Amino acid sequence: MSVTVQRCCALFLIFTVGNLPTMTRKRHPDDLKAIGNRLRAARLALGLTQKDLYEPLGVKAATWNHWESGKRLPDPLVMARLKELHGITTDWIFTGDGAALPFSLARTLLKAAS
């Protein structure tokens, strides 16, 4: 490969990689609190205890408590399982968008979340 081609490739990589958005798992603390509040509202709307939710999902009590208290971001795969079991969508959990929730559940959740 010629020196000119190598320089062009290097410049392309520098330009491209330098302009890629950085991916991070960190979220704003208010986002985590809102997600935790929605998880708590969902649990209360379903009339379940924390144990009633975390055991069937296969997570530890401390893990669920961290999610519900807004200390950590919930695992999306576990949240997908929560949807399978109870109909609570990941869209609602992570963004607050209740459009895909069953109507009766949406009404109960929105009332509990406010």
PDB file of N, CA and C in Angstrom:
ATOM      1  N   MET A   1       0.854  -1.156   0.000  1.00  0.00           N
ATOM      2  CA  MET A   1       0.000   0.000   0.000  1.00  0.00           C
ATOM      3  C   MET A   1       0.910   1.232   0.000  1.00  0.00           C
ATOM      4  N   SER A   2       0.563   2.184  -0.802  1.00  0.00           N
ATOM      5  CA  SER A   2       1.406   3.375  -0.911  1.00  0.00           C
ATOM      6  C   SER A   2       1.256   4.254   0.332  1.00  0.00           C
ATOM      7  N   VAL A   3       2.209   5.125   0.547  1.00  0.00           N
ATOM      8  CA  VAL A   3       2.201   6.031   1.690  1.00  0.00           C
ATOM      9  C   VAL A   3       0.988   6.951   1.624  1.00  0.00           C
ATOM     10  N   THR A   4       0.625   7.394   0.428  1.00  0.00           N
ATOM     11  CA  THR A   4      -0.520   8.288   0.267  1.00  0.00           C
ATOM     12  C   THR A   4      -1.814   7.594   0.689  1.00  0.00           C
ATOM     13  N   VAL A   5      -1.992   6.336   0.301  1.00  0.00           N
ATOM     14  CA  VAL A   5      -3.196   5.580   0.656  1.00  0.00           C
ATOM     15  C   VAL A   5      -3.231   5.365   2.168  1.00  0.00           C
ATOM     16  N   GLN A   6      -2.062   5.048   2.756  1.00  0.00           N
ATOM     17  CA  GLN A   6      -2.002   4.842   4.197  1.00  0.00           C
ATOM     18  C   GLN A   6      -2.392   6.125   4.945  1.00  0.00           C
ATOM     19  N   ARG A   7      -1.893   7.264   4.471  1.00  0.00           N
ATOM     20  CA  ARG A   7      -2.227   8.534   5.117  1.00  0.00           C
ATOM     21  C   ARG A   7      -3.709   8.848   4.977  1.00  0.00           C
ATOM     22  N   CYS A   8      -4.263   8.569   3.798  1.00  0.00           N
ATOM     23  CA  CYS A   8      -5.695   8.809   3.593  1.00  0.00           C
ATOM     24  C   CYS A   8      -6.531   7.934   4.521  1.00  0.00           C
ATOM     25  N   CYS A   9      -6.129   6.666   4.645  1.00  0.00           N
ATOM     26  CA  CYS A   9      -6.855   5.755   5.538  1.00  0.00           C
ATOM     27  C   CYS A   9      -6.751   6.222   6.985  1.00  0.00           C
ATOM     28  N   ALA A  10      -5.559   6.646   7.405  1.00  0.00           N
ATOM     29  CA  ALA A  10      -5.364   7.125   8.768  1.00  0.00           C
ATOM     30  C   ALA A  10      -6.203   8.370   9.026  1.00  0.00           C
ATOM     31  N   LEU A  11      -6.229   9.304   8.089  1.00  0.00           N
ATOM     32  CA  LEU A  11      -7.032  10.513   8.257  1.00  0.00           C
ATOM     33  C   LEU A  11      -8.516  10.187   8.310  1.00  0.00           C
ATOM     34  N   PHE A  12      -8.934   9.251   7.474  1.00  0.00           N
ATOM     35  CA  PHE A  12     -10.335   8.833   7.473  1.00  0.00           C
ATOM     36  C   PHE A  12     -10.721   8.268   8.843  1.00  0.00           C
ATOM     37  N   LEU A  13      -9.870   7.381   9.389  1.00  0.00           N
ATOM     38  CA  LEU A  13     -10.164   6.788  10.689  1.00  0.00           C
ATOM     39  C   LEU A  13     -10.194   7.836  11.794  1.00  0.00           C
ATOM     40  N   ILE A  14      -9.246   8.742  11.769  1.00  0.00           N
ATOM     41  CA  ILE A  14      -9.206   9.794  12.785  1.00  0.00           C
ATOM     42  C   ILE A  14     -10.460  10.646  12.697  1.00  0.00           C
ATOM     43  N   PHE A  15     -10.851  11.025  11.492  1.00  0.00           N
ATOM     44  CA  PHE A  15     -12.030  11.863  11.309  1.00  0.00           C
ATOM     45  C   PHE A  15     -13.296  11.115  11.729  1.00  0.00           C
ATOM     46  N   THR A  16     -13.419   9.857  11.291  1.00  0.00           N
ATOM     47  CA  THR A  16     -14.622   9.078  11.559  1.00  0.00           C
ATOM     48  C   THR A  16     -14.760   8.758  13.035  1.00  0.00           C
ATOM     49  N   VAL A  17     -13.709   8.205  13.625  1.00  0.00           N
ATOM     50  CA  VAL A  17     -13.790   7.811  15.027  1.00  0.00           C
ATOM     51  C   VAL A  17     -13.934   9.037  15.921  1.00  0.00           C
ATOM     52  N   GLY A  18     -13.293  10.113  15.560  1.00  0.00           N
ATOM     53  CA  GLY A  18     -13.391  11.329  16.360  1.00  0.00           C
ATOM     54  C   GLY A  18     -14.779  11.935  16.361  1.00  0.00           C
ATOM     55  N   ASN A  19     -15.596  11.595  15.365  1.00  0.00           N
ATOM     56  CA  ASN A  19     -16.941  12.177  15.272  1.00  0.00           C
ATOM     57  C   ASN A  19     -18.053  11.218  15.680  1.00  0.00           C
ATOM     58  N   LEU A  20     -17.678  10.022  16.142  1.00  0.00           N
ATOM     59  CA  LEU A  20     -18.701   9.080  16.589  1.00  0.00           C
ATOM     60  C   LEU A  20     -19.206   9.492  17.961  1.00  0.00           C
ATOM     61  N   PRO A  21     -20.498   9.347  18.199  1.00  0.00           N
ATOM     62  CA  PRO A  21     -20.998   9.672  19.537  1.00  0.00           C
ATOM     63  C   PRO A  21     -20.450   8.668  20.544  1.00  0.00           C
ATOM     64  N   THR A  22     -20.161   9.120  21.720  1.00  0.00           N
ATOM     65  CA  THR A  22     -19.661   8.207  22.742  1.00  0.00           C
ATOM     66  C   THR A  22     -20.842   7.486  23.367  1.00  0.00           C
ATOM     67  N   MET A  23     -20.656   6.207  23.572  1.00  0.00           N
ATOM     68  CA  MET A  23     -21.696   5.394  24.184  1.00  0.00           C
ATOM     69  C   MET A  23     -21.370   5.265  25.663  1.00  0.00           C
ATOM     70  N   THR A  24     -22.338   5.454  26.480  1.00  0.00           N
ATOM     71  CA  THR A  24     -22.124   5.358  27.910  1.00  0.00           C
ATOM     72  C   THR A  24     -23.333   4.714  28.567  1.00  0.00           C
ATOM     73  N   ARG A  25     -23.087   4.018  29.659  1.00  0.00           N
ATOM     74  CA  ARG A  25     -24.179   3.407  30.414  1.00  0.00           C
ATOM     75  C   ARG A  25     -24.705   4.364  31.472  1.00  0.00           C
ATOM     76  N   LYS A  26     -24.019   5.490  31.648  1.00  0.00           N
ATOM     77  CA  LYS A  26     -24.441   6.439  32.671  1.00  0.00           C
ATOM     78  C   LYS A  26     -25.680   7.190  32.203  1.00  0.00           C
ATOM     79  N   ARG A  27     -26.537   7.453  33.133  1.00  0.00           N
ATOM     80  CA  ARG A  27     -27.726   8.247  32.879  1.00  0.00           C
ATOM     81  C   ARG A  27     -27.774   9.356  33.906  1.00  0.00           C
ATOM     82  N   HIS A  28     -28.535  10.346  33.593  1.00  0.00           N
ATOM     83  CA  HIS A  28     -28.740  11.437  34.534  1.00  0.00           C
ATOM     84  C   HIS A  28     -29.469  10.874  35.755  1.00  0.00           C
ATOM     85  N   PRO A  29     -29.085  11.288  36.949  1.00  0.00           N
ATOM     86  CA  PRO A  29     -29.741  10.760  38.162  1.00  0.00           C
ATOM     87  C   PRO A  29     -31.264  10.912  38.155  1.00  0.00           C
ATOM     88  N   ASP A  30     -31.770  11.972  37.548  1.00  0.00           N
ATOM     89  CA  ASP A  30     -33.228  12.148  37.479  1.00  0.00           C
ATOM     90  C   ASP A  30     -33.868  11.068  36.615  1.00  0.00           C
ATOM     91  N   ASP A  31     -33.171  10.636  35.545  1.00  0.00           N
ATOM     92  CA  ASP A  31     -33.680   9.560  34.701  1.00  0.00           C
ATOM     93  C   ASP A  31     -33.781   8.266  35.496  1.00  0.00           C
ATOM     94  N   LEU A  32     -32.735   7.977  36.272  1.00  0.00           N
ATOM     95  CA  LEU A  32     -32.746   6.751  37.079  1.00  0.00           C
ATOM     96  C   LEU A  32     -33.864   6.789  38.120  1.00  0.00           C
ATOM     97  N   LYS A  33     -34.067   7.937  38.736  1.00  0.00           N
ATOM     98  CA  LYS A  33     -35.147   8.077  39.720  1.00  0.00           C
ATOM     99  C   LYS A  33     -36.509   7.858  39.060  1.00  0.00           C
ATOM    100  N   ALA A  34     -36.688   8.419  37.864  1.00  0.00           N
ATOM    101  CA  ALA A  34     -37.963   8.271  37.149  1.00  0.00           C
ATOM    102  C   ALA A  34     -38.208   6.806  36.791  1.00  0.00           C
ATOM    103  N   ILE A  35     -37.171   6.114  36.339  1.00  0.00           N
ATOM    104  CA  ILE A  35     -37.301   4.691  36.010  1.00  0.00           C
ATOM    105  C   ILE A  35     -37.648   3.907  37.271  1.00  0.00           C
ATOM    106  N   GLY A  36     -36.962   4.199  38.366  1.00  0.00           N
ATOM    107  CA  GLY A  36     -37.259   3.534  39.632  1.00  0.00           C
ATOM    108  C   GLY A  36     -38.684   3.798  40.099  1.00  0.00           C
ATOM    109  N   ASN A  37     -39.135   5.032  39.941  1.00  0.00           N
ATOM    110  CA  ASN A  37     -40.516   5.367  40.323  1.00  0.00           C
ATOM    111  C   ASN A  37     -41.522   4.599  39.482  1.00  0.00           C
ATOM    112  N   ARG A  38     -41.228   4.433  38.183  1.00  0.00           N
ATOM    113  CA  ARG A  38     -42.151   3.665  37.330  1.00  0.00           C
ATOM    114  C   ARG A  38     -42.157   2.194  37.722  1.00  0.00           C
ATOM    115  N   LEU A  39     -40.988   1.639  38.077  1.00  0.00           N
ATOM    116  CA  LEU A  39     -40.947   0.243  38.531  1.00  0.00           C
ATOM    117  C   LEU A  39     -41.757   0.080  39.820  1.00  0.00           C
ATOM    118  N   ARG A  40     -41.600   0.999  40.736  1.00  0.00           N
ATOM    119  CA  ARG A  40     -42.349   0.954  41.995  1.00  0.00           C
ATOM    120  C   ARG A  40     -43.850   1.084  41.716  1.00  0.00           C
ATOM    121  N   ALA A  41     -44.214   2.022  40.851  1.00  0.00           N
ATOM    122  CA  ALA A  41     -45.631   2.215  40.520  1.00  0.00           C
ATOM    123  C   ALA A  41     -46.209   0.953  39.885  1.00  0.00           C
ATOM    124  N   ALA A  42     -45.434   0.314  39.020  1.00  0.00           N
ATOM    125  CA  ALA A  42     -45.899  -0.919  38.374  1.00  0.00           C
ATOM    126  C   ALA A  42     -46.137  -2.007  39.415  1.00  0.00           C
ATOM    127  N   ARG A  43     -45.184  -2.158  40.315  1.00  0.00           N
ATOM    128  CA  ARG A  43     -45.312  -3.170  41.362  1.00  0.00           C
ATOM    129  C   ARG A  43     -46.539  -2.914  42.229  1.00  0.00           C
ATOM    130  N   LEU A  44     -46.720  -1.670  42.638  1.00  0.00           N
ATOM    131  CA  LEU A  44     -47.876  -1.337  43.479  1.00  0.00           C
ATOM    132  C   LEU A  44     -49.188  -1.492  42.722  1.00  0.00           C
ATOM    133  N   ALA A  45     -49.198  -1.118  41.453  1.00  0.00           N
ATOM    134  CA  ALA A  45     -50.418  -1.256  40.643  1.00  0.00           C
ATOM    135  C   ALA A  45     -50.804  -2.720  40.470  1.00  0.00           C
ATOM    136  N   LEU A  46     -49.792  -3.585  40.435  1.00  0.00           N
ATOM    137  CA  LEU A  46     -50.056  -5.018  40.307  1.00  0.00           C
ATOM    138  C   LEU A  46     -50.383  -5.661  41.659  1.00  0.00           C
ATOM    139  N   GLY A  47     -50.210  -4.895  42.738  1.00  0.00           N
ATOM    140  CA  GLY A  47     -50.487  -5.421  44.072  1.00  0.00           C
ATOM    141  C   GLY A  47     -49.464  -6.447  44.527  1.00  0.00           C
ATOM    142  N   LEU A  48     -48.212  -6.280  44.100  1.00  0.00           N
ATOM    143  CA  LEU A  48     -47.169  -7.245  44.417  1.00  0.00           C
ATOM    144  C   LEU A  48     -46.119  -6.650  45.344  1.00  0.00           C
ATOM    145  N   THR A  49     -45.446  -7.536  46.071  1.00  0.00           N
ATOM    146  CA  THR A  49     -44.296  -7.111  46.863  1.00  0.00           C
ATOM    147  C   THR A  49     -43.058  -7.158  45.962  1.00  0.00           C
ATOM    148  N   GLN A  50     -41.964  -6.570  46.456  1.00  0.00           N
ATOM    149  CA  GLN A  50     -40.716  -6.656  45.684  1.00  0.00           C
ATOM    150  C   GLN A  50     -40.357  -8.117  45.451  1.00  0.00           C
ATOM    151  N   LYS A  51     -40.496  -8.943  46.473  1.00  0.00           N
ATOM    152  CA  LYS A  51     -40.152 -10.362  46.363  1.00  0.00           C
ATOM    153  C   LYS A  51     -41.006 -11.062  45.304  1.00  0.00           C
ATOM    154  N   ASP A  52     -42.292 -10.687  45.232  1.00  0.00           N
ATOM    155  CA  ASP A  52     -43.188 -11.270  44.226  1.00  0.00           C
ATOM    156  C   ASP A  52     -42.692 -10.985  42.814  1.00  0.00           C
ATOM    157  N   LEU A  53     -41.991  -9.866  42.638  1.00  0.00           N
ATOM    158  CA  LEU A  53     -41.473  -9.516  41.310  1.00  0.00           C
ATOM    159  C   LEU A  53     -40.076 -10.062  41.059  1.00  0.00           C
ATOM    160  N   TYR A  54     -39.150  -9.870  41.991  1.00  0.00           N
ATOM    161  CA  TYR A  54     -37.767 -10.234  41.681  1.00  0.00           C
ATOM    162  C   TYR A  54     -37.511 -11.733  41.623  1.00  0.00           C
ATOM    163  N   GLU A  55     -38.225 -12.531  42.408  1.00  0.00           N
ATOM    164  CA  GLU A  55     -37.982 -13.977  42.382  1.00  0.00           C
ATOM    165  C   GLU A  55     -38.315 -14.607  41.027  1.00  0.00           C
ATOM    166  N   PRO A  56     -39.518 -14.374  40.457  1.00  0.00           N
ATOM    167  CA  PRO A  56     -39.803 -14.966  39.142  1.00  0.00           C
ATOM    168  C   PRO A  56     -38.881 -14.442  38.028  1.00  0.00           C
ATOM    169  N   LEU A  57     -38.351 -13.229  38.225  1.00  0.00           N
ATOM    170  CA  LEU A  57     -37.454 -12.654  37.224  1.00  0.00           C
ATOM    171  C   LEU A  57     -36.026 -13.161  37.369  1.00  0.00           C
ATOM    172  N   GLY A  58     -35.737 -13.835  38.476  1.00  0.00           N
ATOM    173  CA  GLY A  58     -34.413 -14.396  38.679  1.00  0.00           C
ATOM    174  C   GLY A  58     -33.349 -13.383  39.070  1.00  0.00           C
ATOM    175  N   VAL A  59     -33.750 -12.304  39.738  1.00  0.00           N
ATOM    176  CA  VAL A  59     -32.770 -11.327  40.208  1.00  0.00           C
ATOM    177  C   VAL A  59     -32.780 -11.309  41.735  1.00  0.00           C
ATOM    178  N   LYS A  60     -31.699 -10.805  42.294  1.00  0.00           N
ATOM    179  CA  LYS A  60     -31.571 -10.740  43.749  1.00  0.00           C
ATOM    180  C   LYS A  60     -32.347  -9.550  44.312  1.00  0.00           C
ATOM    181  N   ALA A  61     -32.666  -9.653  45.581  1.00  0.00           N
ATOM    182  CA  ALA A  61     -33.412  -8.591  46.258  1.00  0.00           C
ATOM    183  C   ALA A  61     -32.678  -7.258  46.177  1.00  0.00           C
ATOM    184  N   ALA A  62     -31.373  -7.278  46.400  1.00  0.00           N
ATOM    185  CA  ALA A  62     -30.589  -6.034  46.367  1.00  0.00           C
ATOM    186  C   ALA A  62     -30.605  -5.417  44.971  1.00  0.00           C
ATOM    187  N   THR A  63     -30.546  -6.254  43.960  1.00  0.00           N
ATOM    188  CA  THR A  63     -30.571  -5.756  42.583  1.00  0.00           C
ATOM    189  C   THR A  63     -31.887  -5.046  42.306  1.00  0.00           C
ATOM    190  N   TRP A  64     -33.000  -5.700  42.639  1.00  0.00           N
ATOM    191  CA  TRP A  64     -34.310  -5.077  42.410  1.00  0.00           C
ATOM    192  C   TRP A  64     -34.432  -3.781  43.208  1.00  0.00           C
ATOM    193  N   ASN A  65     -33.961  -3.802  44.443  1.00  0.00           N
ATOM    194  CA  ASN A  65     -34.036  -2.609  45.278  1.00  0.00           C
ATOM    195  C   ASN A  65     -33.235  -1.458  44.663  1.00  0.00           C
ATOM    196  N   HIS A  66     -32.065  -1.746  44.119  1.00  0.00           N
ATOM    197  CA  HIS A  66     -31.275  -0.702  43.455  1.00  0.00           C
ATOM    198  C   HIS A  66     -32.017  -0.135  42.251  1.00  0.00           C
ATOM    199  N   TRP A  67     -32.679  -0.981  41.499  1.00  0.00           N
ATOM    200  CA  TRP A  67     -33.438  -0.517  40.331  1.00  0.00           C
ATOM    201  C   TRP A  67     -34.602   0.357  40.775  1.00  0.00           C
ATOM    202  N   GLU A  68     -35.359  -0.150  41.739  1.00  0.00           N
ATOM    203  CA  GLU A  68     -36.568   0.557  42.161  1.00  0.00           C
ATOM    204  C   GLU A  68     -36.249   1.865  42.883  1.00  0.00           C
ATOM    205  N   SER A  69     -35.100   1.927  43.539  1.00  0.00           N
ATOM    206  CA  SER A  69     -34.732   3.153  44.247  1.00  0.00           C
ATOM    207  C   SER A  69     -33.988   4.139  43.348  1.00  0.00           C
ATOM    208  N   GLY A  70     -33.743   3.755  42.089  1.00  0.00           N
ATOM    209  CA  GLY A  70     -33.097   4.662  41.149  1.00  0.00           C
ATOM    210  C   GLY A  70     -31.590   4.737  41.294  1.00  0.00           C
ATOM    211  N   LYS A  71     -30.993   3.736  41.916  1.00  0.00           N
ATOM    212  CA  LYS A  71     -29.539   3.726  42.075  1.00  0.00           C
ATOM    213  C   LYS A  71     -28.824   3.112  40.876  1.00  0.00           C
ATOM    214  N   ARG A  72     -29.508   2.221  40.170  1.00  0.00           N
ATOM    215  CA  ARG A  72     -28.904   1.542  39.024  1.00  0.00           C
ATOM    216  C   ARG A  72     -29.924   1.425  37.893  1.00  0.00           C
ATOM    217  N   LEU A  73     -29.403   1.308  36.686  1.00  0.00           N
ATOM    218  CA  LEU A  73     -30.239   1.133  35.503  1.00  0.00           C
ATOM    219  C   LEU A  73     -30.655  -0.331  35.393  1.00  0.00           C
ATOM    220  N   PRO A  74     -31.952  -0.613  35.253  1.00  0.00           N
ATOM    221  CA  PRO A  74     -32.403  -2.003  35.151  1.00  0.00           C
ATOM    222  C   PRO A  74     -31.868  -2.698  33.901  1.00  0.00           C
ATOM    223  N   ASP A  75     -31.687  -3.995  34.020  1.00  0.00           N
ATOM    224  CA  ASP A  75     -31.243  -4.822  32.907  1.00  0.00           C
ATOM    225  C   ASP A  75     -32.392  -4.922  31.898  1.00  0.00           C
ATOM    226  N   PRO A  76     -32.161  -4.516  30.640  1.00  0.00           N
ATOM    227  CA  PRO A  76     -33.235  -4.558  29.639  1.00  0.00           C
ATOM    228  C   PRO A  76     -33.793  -5.959  29.391  1.00  0.00           C
ATOM    229  N   LEU A  77     -32.962  -6.993  29.505  1.00  0.00           N
ATOM    230  CA  LEU A  77     -33.455  -8.355  29.296  1.00  0.00           C
ATOM    231  C   LEU A  77     -34.411  -8.773  30.416  1.00  0.00           C
ATOM    232  N   VAL A  78     -34.111  -8.369  31.627  1.00  0.00           N
ATOM    233  CA  VAL A  78     -35.007  -8.663  32.747  1.00  0.00           C
ATOM    234  C   VAL A  78     -36.303  -7.870  32.586  1.00  0.00           C
ATOM    235  N   MET A  79     -36.193  -6.634  32.097  1.00  0.00           N
ATOM    236  CA  MET A  79     -37.391  -5.827  31.888  1.00  0.00           C
ATOM    237  C   MET A  79     -38.255  -6.417  30.768  1.00  0.00           C
ATOM    238  N   ALA A  80     -37.624  -7.040  29.773  1.00  0.00           N
ATOM    239  CA  ALA A  80     -38.394  -7.725  28.721  1.00  0.00           C
ATOM    240  C   ALA A  80     -39.152  -8.909  29.320  1.00  0.00           C
ATOM    241  N   ARG A  81     -38.529  -9.595  30.257  1.00  0.00           N
ATOM    242  CA  ARG A  81     -39.199 -10.708  30.942  1.00  0.00           C
ATOM    243  C   ARG A  81     -40.366 -10.191  31.793  1.00  0.00           C
ATOM    244  N   LEU A  82     -40.176  -9.017  32.412  1.00  0.00           N
ATOM    245  CA  LEU A  82     -41.259  -8.400  33.179  1.00  0.00           C
ATOM    246  C   LEU A  82     -42.465  -8.132  32.281  1.00  0.00           C
ATOM    247  N   LYS A  83     -42.209  -7.727  31.054  1.00  0.00           N
ATOM    248  CA  LYS A  83     -43.296  -7.506  30.100  1.00  0.00           C
ATOM    249  C   LYS A  83     -44.015  -8.816  29.796  1.00  0.00           C
ATOM    250  N   GLU A  84     -43.238  -9.888  29.597  1.00  0.00           N
ATOM    251  CA  GLU A  84     -43.851 -11.190  29.316  1.00  0.00           C
ATOM    252  C   GLU A  84     -44.756 -11.638  30.463  1.00  0.00           C
ATOM    253  N   LEU A  85     -44.308 -11.397  31.674  1.00  0.00           N
ATOM    254  CA  LEU A  85     -45.063 -11.860  32.839  1.00  0.00           C
ATOM    255  C   LEU A  85     -46.250 -10.975  33.198  1.00  0.00           C
ATOM    256  N   HIS A  86     -46.093  -9.652  33.048  1.00  0.00           N
ATOM    257  CA  HIS A  86     -47.117  -8.738  33.569  1.00  0.00           C
ATOM    258  C   HIS A  86     -47.622  -7.699  32.574  1.00  0.00           C
ATOM    259  N   GLY A  87     -47.080  -7.646  31.361  1.00  0.00           N
ATOM    260  CA  GLY A  87     -47.561  -6.714  30.348  1.00  0.00           C
ATOM    261  C   GLY A  87     -47.001  -5.306  30.458  1.00  0.00           C
ATOM    262  N   ILE A  88     -46.037  -5.112  31.349  1.00  0.00           N
ATOM    263  CA  ILE A  88     -45.449  -3.784  31.532  1.00  0.00           C
ATOM    264  C   ILE A  88     -44.339  -3.614  30.494  1.00  0.00           C
ATOM    265  N   THR A  89     -44.524  -2.682  29.581  1.00  0.00           N
ATOM    266  CA  THR A  89     -43.596  -2.544  28.452  1.00  0.00           C
ATOM    267  C   THR A  89     -42.302  -1.850  28.857  1.00  0.00           C
ATOM    268  N   THR A  90     -41.237  -2.197  28.142  1.00  0.00           N
ATOM    269  CA  THR A  90     -39.946  -1.545  28.379  1.00  0.00           C
ATOM    270  C   THR A  90     -40.007  -0.076  27.967  1.00  0.00           C
ATOM    271  N   ASP A  91     -40.846   0.251  26.991  1.00  0.00           N
ATOM    272  CA  ASP A  91     -41.015   1.665  26.612  1.00  0.00           C
ATOM    273  C   ASP A  91     -41.514   2.471  27.806  1.00  0.00           C
ATOM    274  N   TRP A  92     -42.481   1.928  28.523  1.00  0.00           N
ATOM    275  CA  TRP A  92     -42.996   2.660  29.679  1.00  0.00           C
ATOM    276  C   TRP A  92     -41.950   2.727  30.789  1.00  0.00           C
ATOM    277  N   ILE A  93     -41.262   1.606  31.049  1.00  0.00           N
ATOM    278  CA  ILE A  93     -40.276   1.583  32.120  1.00  0.00           C
ATOM    279  C   ILE A  93     -39.170   2.597  31.865  1.00  0.00           C
ATOM    280  N   PHE A  94     -38.609   2.582  30.647  1.00  0.00           N
ATOM    281  CA  PHE A  94     -37.431   3.393  30.373  1.00  0.00           C
ATOM    282  C   PHE A  94     -37.746   4.826  29.936  1.00  0.00           C
ATOM    283  N   THR A  95     -38.918   5.052  29.326  1.00  0.00           N
ATOM    284  CA  THR A  95     -39.200   6.394  28.802  1.00  0.00           C
ATOM    285  C   THR A  95     -40.484   7.016  29.346  1.00  0.00           C
ATOM    286  N   GLY A  96     -41.336   6.203  29.937  1.00  0.00           N
ATOM    287  CA  GLY A  96     -42.613   6.721  30.417  1.00  0.00           C
ATOM    288  C   GLY A  96     -43.701   6.709  29.363  1.00  0.00           C
ATOM    289  N   ASP A  97     -43.419   6.144  28.179  1.00  0.00           N
ATOM    290  CA  ASP A  97     -44.400   6.085  27.093  1.00  0.00           C
ATOM    291  C   ASP A  97     -45.326   4.890  27.317  1.00  0.00           C
ATOM    292  N   GLY A  98     -46.562   5.179  27.673  1.00  0.00           N
ATOM    293  CA  GLY A  98     -47.513   4.118  27.972  1.00  0.00           C
ATOM    294  C   GLY A  98     -48.388   3.702  26.815  1.00  0.00           C
ATOM    295  N   ALA A  99     -48.035   4.090  25.592  1.00  0.00           N
ATOM    296  CA  ALA A  99     -48.887   3.825  24.431  1.00  0.00           C
ATOM    297  C   ALA A  99     -49.134   2.333  24.196  1.00  0.00           C
ATOM    298  N   ALA A 100     -48.178   1.466  24.507  1.00  0.00           N
ATOM    299  CA  ALA A 100     -48.333   0.041  24.212  1.00  0.00           C
ATOM    300  C   ALA A 100     -48.851  -0.765  25.398  1.00  0.00           C
ATOM    301  N   LEU A 101     -49.116  -0.091  26.500  1.00  0.00           N
ATOM    302  CA  LEU A 101     -49.643  -0.799  27.672  1.00  0.00           C
ATOM    303  C   LEU A 101     -51.108  -1.161  27.459  1.00  0.00           C
ATOM    304  N   PRO A 102     -51.556  -2.304  27.991  1.00  0.00           N
ATOM    305  CA  PRO A 102     -52.982  -2.590  27.972  1.00  0.00           C
ATOM    306  C   PRO A 102     -53.725  -1.467  28.702  1.00  0.00           C
ATOM    307  N   PHE A 103     -54.913  -1.096  28.225  1.00  0.00           N
ATOM    308  CA  PHE A 103     -55.626   0.071  28.744  1.00  0.00           C
ATOM    309  C   PHE A 103     -55.825   0.029  30.251  1.00  0.00           C
ATOM    310  N   SER A 104     -56.309  -1.087  30.761  1.00  0.00           N
ATOM    311  CA  SER A 104     -56.589  -1.155  32.206  1.00  0.00           C
ATOM    312  C   SER A 104     -55.300  -1.014  33.019  1.00  0.00           C
ATOM    313  N   LEU A 105     -54.222  -1.601  32.534  1.00  0.00           N
ATOM    314  CA  LEU A 105     -52.939  -1.493  33.221  1.00  0.00           C
ATOM    315  C   LEU A 105     -52.402  -0.071  33.110  1.00  0.00           C
ATOM    316  N   ALA A 106     -52.556   0.544  31.949  1.00  0.00           N
ATOM    317  CA  ALA A 106     -52.082   1.917  31.745  1.00  0.00           C
ATOM    318  C   ALA A 106     -52.788   2.872  32.696  1.00  0.00           C
ATOM    319  N   ARG A 107     -54.081   2.735  32.833  1.00  0.00           N
ATOM    320  CA  ARG A 107     -54.838   3.618  33.718  1.00  0.00           C
ATOM    321  C   ARG A 107     -54.366   3.457  35.162  1.00  0.00           C
ATOM    322  N   THR A 108     -54.183   2.213  35.606  1.00  0.00           N
ATOM    323  CA  THR A 108     -53.726   1.957  36.961  1.00  0.00           C
ATOM    324  C   THR A 108     -52.309   2.468  37.177  1.00  0.00           C
ATOM    325  N   LEU A 109     -51.426   2.214  36.206  1.00  0.00           N
ATOM    326  CA  LEU A 109     -50.034   2.656  36.334  1.00  0.00           C
ATOM    327  C   LEU A 109     -49.902   4.166  36.344  1.00  0.00           C
ATOM    328  N   LEU A 110     -50.618   4.808  35.451  1.00  0.00           N
ATOM    329  CA  LEU A 110     -50.518   6.255  35.383  1.00  0.00           C
ATOM    330  C   LEU A 110     -51.061   6.908  36.650  1.00  0.00           C
ATOM    331  N   LYS A 111     -52.107   6.316  37.216  1.00  0.00           N
ATOM    332  CA  LYS A 111     -52.645   6.835  38.470  1.00  0.00           C
ATOM    333  C   LYS A 111     -51.638   6.621  39.603  1.00  0.00           C
ATOM    334  N   ALA A 112     -51.000   5.440  39.650  1.00  0.00           N
ATOM    335  CA  ALA A 112     -50.036   5.122  40.704  1.00  0.00           C
ATOM    336  C   ALA A 112     -48.752   5.950  40.563  1.00  0.00           C
ATOM    337  N   ALA A 113     -48.387   6.281  39.331  1.00  0.00           N
ATOM    338  CA  ALA A 113     -47.140   7.013  39.091  1.00  0.00           C
ATOM    339  C   ALA A 113     -47.273   8.491  39.416  1.00  0.00           C
ATOM    340  N   SER A 114     -48.498   9.009  39.461  1.00  0.00           N
ATOM    341  CA  SER A 114     -48.655  10.448  39.706  1.00  0.00           C
ATOM    342  C   SER A 114     -48.864  10.772  41.155  1.00  0.00           C
TER     343      SER A 114
END
